[in-house]
N, C-alpha and C. Protein backbone atom coordinates (compact mmCIF):
# COMPACT_ATOMS: atom_id res chain seq x y z
N MET A 1 -9.11 -9.95 -6.58
CA MET A 1 -10.36 -10.01 -5.13
C MET A 1 -11.44 -10.53 -5.72
N GLN A 2 -12.35 -10.02 -6.86
CA GLN A 2 -13.17 -10.49 -7.19
C GLN A 2 -13.78 -11.80 -7.26
N LEU A 3 -12.54 -12.50 -7.70
CA LEU A 3 -12.78 -14.13 -7.77
C LEU A 3 -12.18 -14.81 -6.41
N ASN A 4 -11.25 -14.64 -5.55
CA ASN A 4 -10.91 -14.58 -4.42
C ASN A 4 -9.68 -15.65 -4.63
N GLN A 5 -8.99 -15.38 -5.20
CA GLN A 5 -7.80 -15.89 -6.36
C GLN A 5 -6.73 -15.60 -5.76
N HIS A 6 -6.46 -14.45 -4.76
CA HIS A 6 -4.95 -13.62 -4.44
C HIS A 6 -4.43 -14.43 -3.52
N ILE A 7 -3.35 -14.50 -3.35
CA ILE A 7 -2.97 -14.87 -2.26
C ILE A 7 -1.76 -14.08 -1.04
N GLY A 8 -2.19 -14.08 -0.02
CA GLY A 8 -1.41 -13.22 0.79
C GLY A 8 -2.57 -11.93 1.12
N LYS A 9 -1.77 -10.66 1.33
CA LYS A 9 -2.84 -9.29 1.73
C LYS A 9 -3.53 -8.95 0.29
N VAL A 10 -3.71 -8.30 0.19
CA VAL A 10 -4.46 -7.23 -0.43
C VAL A 10 -4.22 -5.72 -0.19
N GLY A 11 -3.96 -4.51 -0.81
CA GLY A 11 -3.80 -3.60 -0.32
C GLY A 11 -5.27 -2.85 -1.25
N VAL A 12 -5.84 -2.08 -0.73
CA VAL A 12 -6.54 -1.16 -1.72
C VAL A 12 -6.66 0.45 -0.93
N LEU A 13 -6.84 0.94 -2.56
CA LEU A 13 -6.36 2.44 -2.61
C LEU A 13 -7.97 2.92 -1.66
N CYS A 14 -8.38 4.29 -1.33
CA CYS A 14 -8.95 4.49 -0.68
C CYS A 14 -9.51 5.93 -1.23
N LEU A 15 -10.03 6.68 -1.93
CA LEU A 15 -10.33 8.29 -2.09
C LEU A 15 -8.84 8.80 -2.48
N ALA A 16 -8.25 7.87 -3.01
CA ALA A 16 -6.41 8.24 -3.15
C ALA A 16 -6.79 7.99 -5.01
N PRO A 17 -6.23 8.89 -5.78
CA PRO A 17 -6.23 8.93 -7.11
C PRO A 17 -5.57 7.78 -7.53
N GLU A 18 -3.63 8.20 -6.63
CA GLU A 18 -3.26 6.93 -6.84
C GLU A 18 -2.09 7.00 -5.18
N ALA A 19 -1.34 6.07 -5.30
CA ALA A 19 -0.67 5.11 -4.24
C ALA A 19 0.05 6.65 -3.88
N GLY A 20 0.30 7.05 -2.55
CA GLY A 20 1.46 8.49 -1.74
C GLY A 20 0.30 9.64 -1.39
N LEU A 21 -1.10 9.33 -1.83
CA LEU A 21 -1.90 10.86 -1.52
C LEU A 21 -2.42 10.50 -0.41
N GLY A 22 -2.62 9.29 0.50
CA GLY A 22 -3.58 9.24 1.42
C GLY A 22 -3.77 10.43 2.51
N VAL A 23 -2.39 10.42 2.86
CA VAL A 23 -1.80 11.50 4.00
C VAL A 23 -0.97 12.90 3.31
N THR A 24 -1.82 13.92 2.93
CA THR A 24 -1.22 14.76 2.19
C THR A 24 -0.31 15.97 3.16
N ALA A 25 -1.02 15.63 4.66
CA ALA A 25 -0.36 16.93 5.48
C ALA A 25 0.99 16.52 5.69
N PRO A 26 2.35 17.30 5.07
CA PRO A 26 3.60 16.85 5.19
C PRO A 26 3.95 16.37 6.39
N GLU A 27 3.57 17.48 8.03
CA GLU A 27 4.37 17.32 8.67
C GLU A 27 3.46 16.20 9.35
N LEU A 28 2.51 15.70 9.38
CA LEU A 28 1.47 14.33 9.54
C LEU A 28 2.39 13.27 9.22
N ARG A 29 2.96 13.05 7.50
CA ARG A 29 3.36 12.40 7.36
C ARG A 29 4.95 12.02 7.97
N ALA A 30 5.66 13.27 8.22
CA ALA A 30 6.69 13.35 8.54
C ALA A 30 6.35 12.37 10.23
N ARG A 31 5.28 12.92 10.89
CA ARG A 31 5.61 12.67 12.21
C ARG A 31 5.09 10.85 12.55
N ILE A 32 4.21 10.69 11.50
CA ILE A 32 3.66 9.02 11.42
C ILE A 32 4.87 8.97 11.09
N GLY A 33 5.44 8.90 9.63
CA GLY A 33 6.99 8.43 9.64
C GLY A 33 5.95 7.20 7.69
N GLU A 34 7.03 7.16 7.34
CA GLU A 34 6.79 6.56 5.96
C GLU A 34 6.48 5.23 5.71
N ASP A 35 7.34 4.54 6.87
CA ASP A 35 7.16 3.00 7.22
C ASP A 35 5.85 2.58 7.79
N ALA A 36 5.29 3.88 8.31
CA ALA A 36 4.02 3.25 9.38
C ALA A 36 2.84 3.31 8.19
N LEU A 37 3.01 4.03 7.33
CA LEU A 37 2.33 4.72 6.30
C LEU A 37 1.75 3.74 4.87
N ASN A 38 3.27 2.84 4.80
CA ASN A 38 3.37 1.92 3.46
C ASN A 38 3.79 0.66 4.45
N PRO A 39 3.83 0.19 5.25
CA PRO A 39 4.48 -0.88 5.57
C PRO A 39 4.68 -2.06 4.39
N LEU A 40 3.26 -2.28 3.76
CA LEU A 40 3.42 -3.68 2.25
C LEU A 40 4.04 -3.10 1.43
N ARG A 41 4.73 -1.77 1.21
CA ARG A 41 4.50 -1.08 -0.14
C ARG A 41 6.00 -1.84 -0.98
N SER A 42 7.10 -2.16 0.02
CA SER A 42 8.52 -3.07 -0.35
C SER A 42 7.78 -4.33 -0.99
N PHE A 43 6.93 -4.95 -1.10
CA PHE A 43 6.51 -6.41 -1.60
C PHE A 43 5.77 -6.05 -2.66
N ALA A 44 5.15 -4.65 -2.85
CA ALA A 44 4.24 -4.63 -4.21
C ALA A 44 5.60 -4.65 -5.46
N ALA A 45 6.83 -4.33 -5.20
CA ALA A 45 6.89 -3.81 -6.25
C ALA A 45 7.81 -5.78 -6.65
N ARG A 46 7.86 -6.65 -5.81
CA ARG A 46 8.32 -7.99 -6.11
C ARG A 46 7.20 -8.56 -6.77
N PRO A 47 7.30 -9.37 -7.99
CA PRO A 47 6.78 -10.28 -8.62
C PRO A 47 5.99 -11.40 -7.81
N ALA A 48 4.91 -11.81 -8.32
CA ALA A 48 4.26 -12.64 -7.75
C ALA A 48 5.01 -14.26 -7.38
N PRO A 49 5.14 -14.93 -6.55
CA PRO A 49 5.68 -16.25 -6.88
C PRO A 49 5.44 -17.41 -7.83
N VAL A 50 5.57 -18.35 -8.62
CA VAL A 50 5.22 -19.01 -9.39
C VAL A 50 4.72 -20.47 -8.11
N ALA A 51 4.10 -20.73 -8.43
CA ALA A 51 3.37 -22.24 -6.99
C ALA A 51 3.88 -23.12 -7.92
């Protein structure tokens, strides 16, 4: 991000020491749904495409 060389979307953890700790209330997480809380999580595990 600092050098503006990223491609696509960039996710940033804000006030959470690690991923998955942003919404800590179990009933709220269940009501919102994991897909809505982590819409891009499935893309994070993929290796970056080679240009």
